[in-house]
Protein backbone atom coordinates (compact mmCIF):
# COMPACT_ATOMS: atom_id res chain seq x y z
CA MET A 1 73.63 -38.04 26.14
CA ALA A 2 74.51 -37.24 29.62
CA ASN A 3 73.82 -34.38 32.45
CA ILE A 4 75.50 -31.74 33.53
CA VAL A 5 76.96 -31.00 37.47
CA ILE A 6 78.46 -27.85 38.28
CA ASP A 7 79.22 -27.69 41.81
CA LYS A 8 80.34 -24.52 44.02
CA ILE A 9 82.48 -23.16 40.59
CA LYS A 10 84.84 -20.23 41.72
CA LYS A 11 86.95 -18.52 39.03
CA THR A 12 89.58 -15.55 40.26
CA PHE A 13 91.80 -13.61 37.92
CA GLY A 14 94.05 -11.91 40.47
CA SER A 15 91.87 -10.12 43.07
CA PHE A 16 88.61 -10.23 40.79
CA GLU A 17 86.01 -12.97 41.40
CA ALA A 18 84.65 -13.56 37.94
CA LEU A 19 82.48 -16.19 39.57
CA LYS A 20 81.27 -16.95 42.69
CA GLU A 21 80.89 -20.42 43.37
CA ILE A 22 78.37 -21.27 40.94
CA SER A 23 76.14 -24.32 41.11
CA LEU A 24 74.06 -25.33 38.53
CA GLU A 25 72.36 -29.09 37.22
CA VAL A 26 71.61 -29.54 33.65
CA GLY A 27 69.21 -32.08 32.89
CA ASP A 28 70.08 -34.85 30.14
CA GLY A 29 68.47 -33.77 27.17
CA GLU A 30 68.09 -30.34 28.71
CA PHE A 31 68.46 -26.63 26.84
CA VAL A 32 69.61 -24.77 29.57
CA SER A 33 70.29 -20.53 28.27
CA LEU A 34 73.02 -18.81 30.58
CA LEU A 35 71.78 -14.81 30.28
CA GLY A 36 73.09 -12.21 31.89
CA PRO A 37 74.86 -8.50 30.74
CA SER A 38 78.29 -8.12 29.34
CA GLY A 39 80.63 -9.33 32.11
CA CYS A 40 78.29 -10.94 34.58
CA GLY A 41 80.35 -14.35 33.70
CA LYS A 42 78.81 -16.44 31.60
CA THR A 43 81.34 -17.32 29.13
CA THR A 44 84.01 -17.37 31.82
CA LEU A 45 81.39 -20.51 32.99
CA LEU A 46 80.94 -21.97 29.46
CA ARG A 47 84.68 -22.30 28.81
CA ILE A 48 85.48 -23.73 32.13
CA ILE A 49 83.16 -25.96 31.51
CA ALA A 50 84.33 -26.77 27.94
CA GLY A 51 87.61 -26.80 29.44
CA LEU A 52 89.24 -23.92 27.68
CA GLU A 53 89.23 -22.49 31.23
CA THR A 54 90.52 -23.82 34.43
CA GLU A 55 87.95 -23.14 37.75
CA THR A 56 90.52 -22.00 40.78
CA SER A 57 87.77 -24.30 42.66
CA GLY A 58 84.58 -26.68 42.28
CA GLN A 59 83.81 -29.35 40.29
CA ILE A 60 82.22 -29.77 36.72
CA LEU A 61 80.65 -33.82 36.18
CA ILE A 62 79.37 -34.98 32.90
CA GLY A 63 77.11 -37.94 32.61
CA GLY A 64 78.33 -38.49 36.40
CA THR A 65 82.26 -38.57 35.80
CA PRO A 66 84.29 -35.85 36.88
CA VAL A 67 85.84 -33.63 33.95
CA ASN A 68 88.43 -31.43 35.72
CA GLY A 69 91.45 -31.85 34.36
CA LEU A 70 90.60 -33.33 31.36
CA ALA A 71 91.20 -31.84 28.11
CA PRO A 72 88.31 -30.32 25.92
CA LYS A 73 88.78 -32.96 23.28
CA ASP A 74 87.78 -35.57 25.99
CA ARG A 75 85.13 -34.05 27.32
CA GLY A 76 82.45 -35.47 24.88
CA LEU A 77 81.31 -32.22 24.29
CA ALA A 78 81.26 -29.82 20.96
CA MET A 79 81.16 -26.31 21.29
CA VAL A 80 79.75 -23.64 18.88
CA PHE A 81 81.01 -20.07 18.79
CA GLN A 82 80.16 -16.57 18.17
CA ASN A 83 82.25 -16.05 15.12
CA TYR A 84 81.24 -19.18 13.42
CA ALA A 85 84.72 -20.56 13.11
CA VAL A 86 84.45 -22.33 10.06
CA PHE A 87 87.31 -23.24 8.07
CA PRO A 88 87.59 -21.13 4.69
CA HIS A 89 89.72 -23.32 3.24
CA MET A 90 87.67 -26.63 3.32
CA THR A 91 84.12 -27.47 1.63
CA VAL A 92 81.03 -27.73 3.36
CA PHE A 93 81.63 -31.52 3.40
CA GLU A 94 84.92 -31.60 4.74
CA ASN A 95 84.11 -28.61 7.64
CA VAL A 96 80.75 -30.94 8.69
CA ALA A 97 82.82 -34.09 8.77
CA PHE A 98 86.27 -32.26 10.52
CA GLY A 99 85.44 -33.57 14.16
CA LEU A 100 85.17 -37.29 12.85
CA ARG A 101 87.89 -37.20 11.06
CA MET A 102 89.99 -36.25 14.22
CA LYS A 103 88.42 -38.87 16.07
CA LYS A 104 89.59 -41.73 13.20
CA ALA A 105 85.88 -42.06 12.10
CA ASP A 106 85.88 -44.72 8.84
CA GLN A 107 84.44 -43.66 5.61
CA ASN A 108 81.35 -45.02 5.92
CA ARG A 109 80.63 -43.20 9.19
CA VAL A 110 81.69 -39.97 8.01
CA LYS A 111 79.46 -39.88 5.18
CA SER A 112 76.17 -41.21 7.40
CA GLN A 113 77.02 -38.70 9.71
CA VAL A 114 77.19 -35.75 8.02
CA ASP A 115 74.61 -36.67 5.66
CA LYS A 116 72.23 -36.70 8.82
CA ALA A 117 73.59 -33.72 10.10
CA ALA A 118 73.49 -31.33 6.93
CA ALA A 119 69.76 -32.75 6.60
CA LEU A 120 68.99 -31.52 10.29
CA LEU A 121 70.36 -28.08 9.19
CA HIS A 122 69.25 -28.10 5.58
CA ILE A 123 72.50 -27.20 4.13
CA GLU A 124 72.81 -30.69 1.76
CA PRO A 125 72.78 -28.72 -1.17
CA TYR A 126 75.46 -26.50 -0.07
CA LEU A 127 77.77 -29.69 0.64
CA ASP A 128 80.66 -28.83 -2.66
CA ARG A 129 80.55 -25.33 -1.58
CA TYR A 130 83.19 -23.16 0.43
CA PRO A 131 82.20 -20.55 3.06
CA ASN A 132 83.31 -17.75 1.26
CA LYS A 133 79.86 -18.95 -0.80
CA LEU A 134 77.71 -19.14 1.76
CA SER A 135 75.67 -16.37 3.52
CA GLY A 136 76.12 -15.60 7.50
CA GLY A 137 73.20 -18.06 8.36
CA GLN A 138 74.28 -20.78 6.49
CA ARG A 139 77.76 -20.08 7.68
CA GLN A 140 76.41 -20.84 11.07
CA ARG A 141 73.94 -23.91 10.17
CA VAL A 142 77.66 -25.64 9.09
CA ALA A 143 79.01 -24.88 12.53
CA VAL A 144 76.35 -26.36 14.31
CA ALA A 145 76.32 -29.06 11.37
CA ARG A 146 79.74 -29.85 12.22
CA ALA A 147 79.03 -30.10 16.52
CA LEU A 148 76.41 -32.43 15.85
CA ALA A 149 78.01 -34.78 13.56
CA VAL A 150 80.03 -36.08 16.36
CA GLU A 151 77.05 -36.86 18.04
CA PRO A 152 78.59 -35.10 22.00
CA LYS A 153 77.37 -35.53 24.68
CA VAL A 154 76.77 -31.84 25.68
CA LEU A 155 76.72 -28.57 23.11
CA LEU A 156 77.88 -25.96 24.42
CA MET A 157 76.95 -22.26 22.38
CA ASP A 158 78.32 -19.18 23.12
CA GLU A 159 76.39 -16.26 21.79
CA PRO A 160 75.97 -18.18 18.12
CA LEU A 161 73.58 -15.59 16.74
CA SER A 162 74.32 -12.37 17.55
CA ASN A 163 76.51 -12.07 14.33
CA LEU A 164 73.32 -12.26 12.22
CA ASP A 165 70.52 -9.66 11.54
CA ALA A 166 67.30 -9.48 13.08
CA LEU A 167 65.05 -11.62 10.79
CA LEU A 168 67.53 -13.92 9.66
CA ARG A 169 68.24 -14.35 13.91
CA LEU A 170 64.52 -15.43 14.20
CA GLU A 171 64.99 -17.96 11.25
CA MET A 172 67.80 -19.59 12.78
CA ARG A 173 66.50 -19.39 16.63
CA THR A 174 63.44 -21.31 15.26
CA GLU A 175 65.62 -23.79 13.07
CA LEU A 176 67.99 -24.10 15.95
CA LYS A 177 65.14 -25.14 18.31
CA ALA A 178 63.90 -27.50 15.87
CA VAL A 179 66.90 -29.11 15.35
CA LEU A 180 68.17 -29.34 19.12
CA GLN A 181 64.68 -31.27 20.02
CA ALA A 182 65.06 -33.44 17.09
CA SER A 183 68.34 -34.81 18.39
CA GLY A 184 68.28 -34.46 22.29
CA THR A 185 71.20 -33.09 22.87
CA THR A 186 72.41 -31.59 26.37
CA THR A 187 72.57 -28.49 25.90
CA ILE A 188 74.17 -25.10 27.43
CA TYR A 189 73.95 -21.97 25.60
CA VAL A 190 75.30 -18.75 26.97
CA THR A 191 73.41 -15.09 25.42
CA HIS A 192 72.53 -11.57 26.29
CA ASP A 193 69.17 -11.77 24.79
CA GLN A 194 66.39 -12.23 26.66
CA THR A 195 64.28 -12.80 23.78
CA GLU A 196 66.46 -15.80 22.06
CA ALA A 197 66.63 -17.36 25.85
CA MET A 198 63.46 -17.35 26.49
CA GLY A 199 62.33 -18.64 22.79
CA LEU A 200 64.83 -21.39 22.90
CA SER A 201 65.10 -22.63 26.77
CA ASP A 202 63.62 -24.94 28.86
CA ARG A 203 65.21 -23.24 31.83
CA ILE A 204 67.44 -19.96 32.24
CA ALA A 205 69.93 -19.21 34.33
CA VAL A 206 70.27 -14.90 34.73
CA MET A 207 73.45 -14.17 35.99
CA TYR A 208 74.99 -10.82 37.34
CA ASP A 209 78.14 -10.31 39.12
CA GLY A 210 79.31 -13.89 38.97
CA ARG A 211 76.21 -15.00 40.34
CA ILE A 212 72.85 -16.73 39.50
CA GLU A 213 70.33 -14.59 40.57
CA GLN A 214 67.54 -16.92 38.99
CA ILE A 215 67.14 -20.15 37.59
CA GLY A 216 63.58 -21.51 36.43
CA ALA A 217 61.37 -21.94 33.33
CA PRO A 218 61.13 -18.93 30.98
CA VAL A 219 58.07 -17.98 32.14
CA ASP A 220 58.07 -18.24 35.80
CA ILE A 221 61.27 -15.78 35.64
CA TYR A 222 59.35 -13.42 33.61
CA SER A 223 56.69 -13.56 35.81
CA HIS A 224 57.30 -14.21 38.99
CA PRO A 225 61.45 -12.44 39.17
CA ALA A 226 63.13 -12.82 42.12
CA SER A 227 64.89 -9.94 42.02
CA ARG A 228 64.96 -6.31 40.55
CA PHE A 229 67.60 -7.13 38.39
CA VAL A 230 65.89 -9.76 37.04
CA GLY A 231 62.97 -8.35 36.09
CA GLY A 232 64.65 -5.05 34.43
CA PHE A 233 66.79 -7.46 32.46
CA MET A 234 64.01 -9.84 31.55
CA GLY A 235 61.17 -8.42 29.05
CA SER A 236 60.59 -5.61 26.40
CA PRO A 237 59.76 -3.05 27.88
CA PRO A 238 61.45 -4.32 31.36
CA MET A 239 59.55 -4.46 34.41
CA ASN A 240 58.44 -1.01 35.70
CA PHE A 241 59.44 -0.29 39.49
CA ILE A 242 57.66 2.28 41.45
CA ARG A 243 58.38 3.41 44.53
CA LEU A 244 55.35 3.72 47.39
CA PRO A 245 54.69 4.46 50.93
CA VAL A 246 53.33 1.82 52.77
CA THR A 247 50.32 2.41 55.59
CA ASN A 248 49.14 0.25 58.07
CA GLY A 249 50.30 -2.79 55.48
CA THR A 250 48.75 -1.26 52.29
CA VAL A 251 49.70 0.91 49.66
CA LYS A 252 46.98 2.96 48.05
CA LEU A 253 46.88 2.55 43.77
CA GLY A 254 44.30 4.75 42.46
CA ASN A 255 40.95 4.19 44.62
CA MET A 256 41.91 0.44 45.72
CA ASN A 257 44.57 -0.81 48.84
CA HIS A 258 46.61 -3.32 48.29
CA ALA A 259 48.24 -5.14 50.84
CA VAL A 260 51.76 -5.31 51.16
CA PRO A 261 53.87 -8.31 53.00
CA ALA A 262 53.74 -8.12 56.63
CA SER A 263 57.86 -7.09 56.89
CA VAL A 264 57.19 -3.69 55.17
CA GLU A 265 56.84 -0.89 57.37
CA ARG A 266 57.90 2.68 55.45
CA GLU A 267 58.42 2.18 51.92
CA ILE A 268 57.83 -0.56 48.96
CA VAL A 269 59.03 -0.70 45.00
CA LEU A 270 56.01 -1.73 43.01
CA GLY A 271 57.33 -4.18 40.08
CA LEU A 272 54.98 -4.26 37.25
CA ARG A 273 54.65 -5.51 34.01
CA GLY A 274 53.69 -3.42 31.28
CA GLU A 275 50.97 -5.69 29.77
CA ASN A 276 49.62 -6.05 33.45
CA VAL A 277 47.46 -3.10 32.48
CA SER A 278 43.87 -1.61 31.68
CA LEU A 279 42.23 1.42 31.33
CA ALA A 280 40.06 2.45 33.77
CA PRO A 281 38.11 5.93 34.27
CA LEU A 282 40.49 8.46 35.81
CA ALA A 283 38.53 8.91 38.63
CA GLU A 284 38.72 5.24 40.09
CA GLY A 285 42.58 3.96 38.09
CA LEU A 286 46.07 4.94 39.01
CA ARG A 287 46.92 8.02 37.19
CA LEU A 288 49.13 7.66 34.17
CA ASP A 289 50.23 11.19 32.85
CA VAL A 290 50.88 9.96 29.34
CA ARG A 291 54.25 11.60 27.86
CA VAL A 292 54.65 9.65 24.47
CA ALA A 293 52.09 7.26 22.69
CA GLU A 294 53.83 5.11 20.14
CA PRO A 295 51.73 2.63 18.15
CA MET A 296 53.77 -0.16 17.41
CA GLY A 297 51.02 -2.51 15.32
CA SER A 298 50.58 -4.94 17.86
CA HIS A 299 49.99 -2.92 20.70
CA LEU A 300 49.97 0.90 22.11
CA LEU A 301 53.38 1.53 23.65
CA LEU A 302 53.13 4.36 26.22
CA THR A 303 55.52 6.08 28.41
CA GLY A 304 54.69 8.39 31.13
CA THR A 305 55.07 9.06 35.27
CA ILE A 306 52.77 7.14 37.64
CA ALA A 307 53.47 9.10 41.02
CA ASN A 308 56.23 11.28 39.44
CA GLN A 309 58.39 8.11 37.91
CA PRO A 310 58.66 6.99 34.77
CA VAL A 311 56.53 3.95 34.08
CA ARG A 312 55.82 2.32 30.06
CA VAL A 313 52.74 0.26 29.33
CA ILE A 314 51.05 -1.71 26.67
CA LEU A 315 47.19 -1.19 25.61
CA PRO A 316 45.68 -2.96 23.14
CA PRO A 317 46.33 -1.11 19.56
CA GLY A 318 42.92 0.29 19.15
CA GLU A 319 42.77 2.15 22.14
CA SER A 320 43.19 6.22 21.59
CA VAL A 321 45.31 7.57 23.62
CA LYS A 322 47.46 10.65 23.19
CA ALA A 323 50.39 12.44 24.38
CA GLY A 324 49.54 14.96 27.10
CA GLU A 325 46.96 12.90 28.57
CA ALA A 326 46.27 11.98 32.05
CA ILE A 327 44.29 8.44 32.16
CA GLY A 328 43.28 5.85 34.51
CA LEU A 329 44.69 2.14 34.72
CA LYS A 330 43.30 -0.90 36.52
CA LEU A 331 46.45 -3.07 37.79
CA ALA A 332 45.93 -6.81 37.79
CA ALA A 333 46.21 -7.72 41.42
CA ASP A 334 47.56 -10.91 41.29
CA ARG A 335 50.74 -9.99 39.06
CA LEU A 336 52.23 -7.35 40.73
CA THR A 337 55.67 -8.07 41.91
CA TRP A 338 56.45 -6.45 45.69
CA LEU A 339 60.37 -5.57 46.31
CA SER A 340 62.18 -4.49 48.94
CA PRO A 341 63.55 -0.93 48.50
CA GLU A 342 67.11 -2.02 51.02
CA THR A 343 68.01 -5.58 49.11
CA GLY A 344 65.92 -5.14 45.94
CA LEU A 345 64.38 -8.97 46.26
CA ALA A 346 60.89 -9.74 45.61
CA LEU A 347 59.42 -10.20 48.59
CA ASN A 348 56.15 -12.06 47.69
CA HIS A 349 58.18 -14.34 45.34
CA PRO A 350 57.22 -18.17 45.69
CA SER A 351 60.37 -19.34 47.13
CA ARG A 352 60.12 -16.94 49.93
């Protein structure tokens, strides 16, 4: 296996800056997701690591060796694509063996590696079948098995589960995590799905507008977003943002005053996760005017307004709250995020 060092990678297309000096280190055996909306640069960065796109400036090192200018086949990596990219005229065995045969591995090694990869991905019963006889999930397993069979130093994955339906995506996510934990392969995974990134990753690099907005463990990024963009992108429902006036270094939430960072004088934005609330008497809590109440089985999702600003909050499933009611909320004071109205940066982030 190998670590990856991405050092000040920049990519321009004419006057457009797709990547703005990206730097990132991925440890040996680590699983890192590049997460962000369409157009943020995550696939461009993956293609540069793979050698399918040429960087404008900067350096890529795999296992301590610079790979800039090397062909993809010489970088010691494998890639799994969104559209499976299995060969329709080959059996599953031949598909999984393809990379090994390109490397001119002897027949015993081909058989051993195909059997090993097939066992990891649970596709042994399908080795003699052609792809048109397989489901989408089975074809994706074949694509992953083909990548792992060559024992790459690095595995690159570009939205590999996005073409699957919701239930199959969940099953494949679970299988994929188990397989990669067993193989110990260093992995970079591109996705726009924050649930996938949260479930699979050791760390997540949240990207926006050609930059990495924040990198860290999933729980840290979710609980302590560094910016309004990260807070709003991570979570379902996303973080609520409530603009509040500041008086003498505090804001009033219900009948309680909360101190805010000393640099704030007039206004601040409160970042509030929907689950970080509980019911309180209306006279004592922060007032929520409920517009819609949705029983979701595991929780009750309320949509309404606080201080005339839209919010969504989550309560336990047994609570009896109806549309049109006004309720009081108690906030978990140690889980609030305070953001600058001007920059959108979190003022109480641990890094500041």
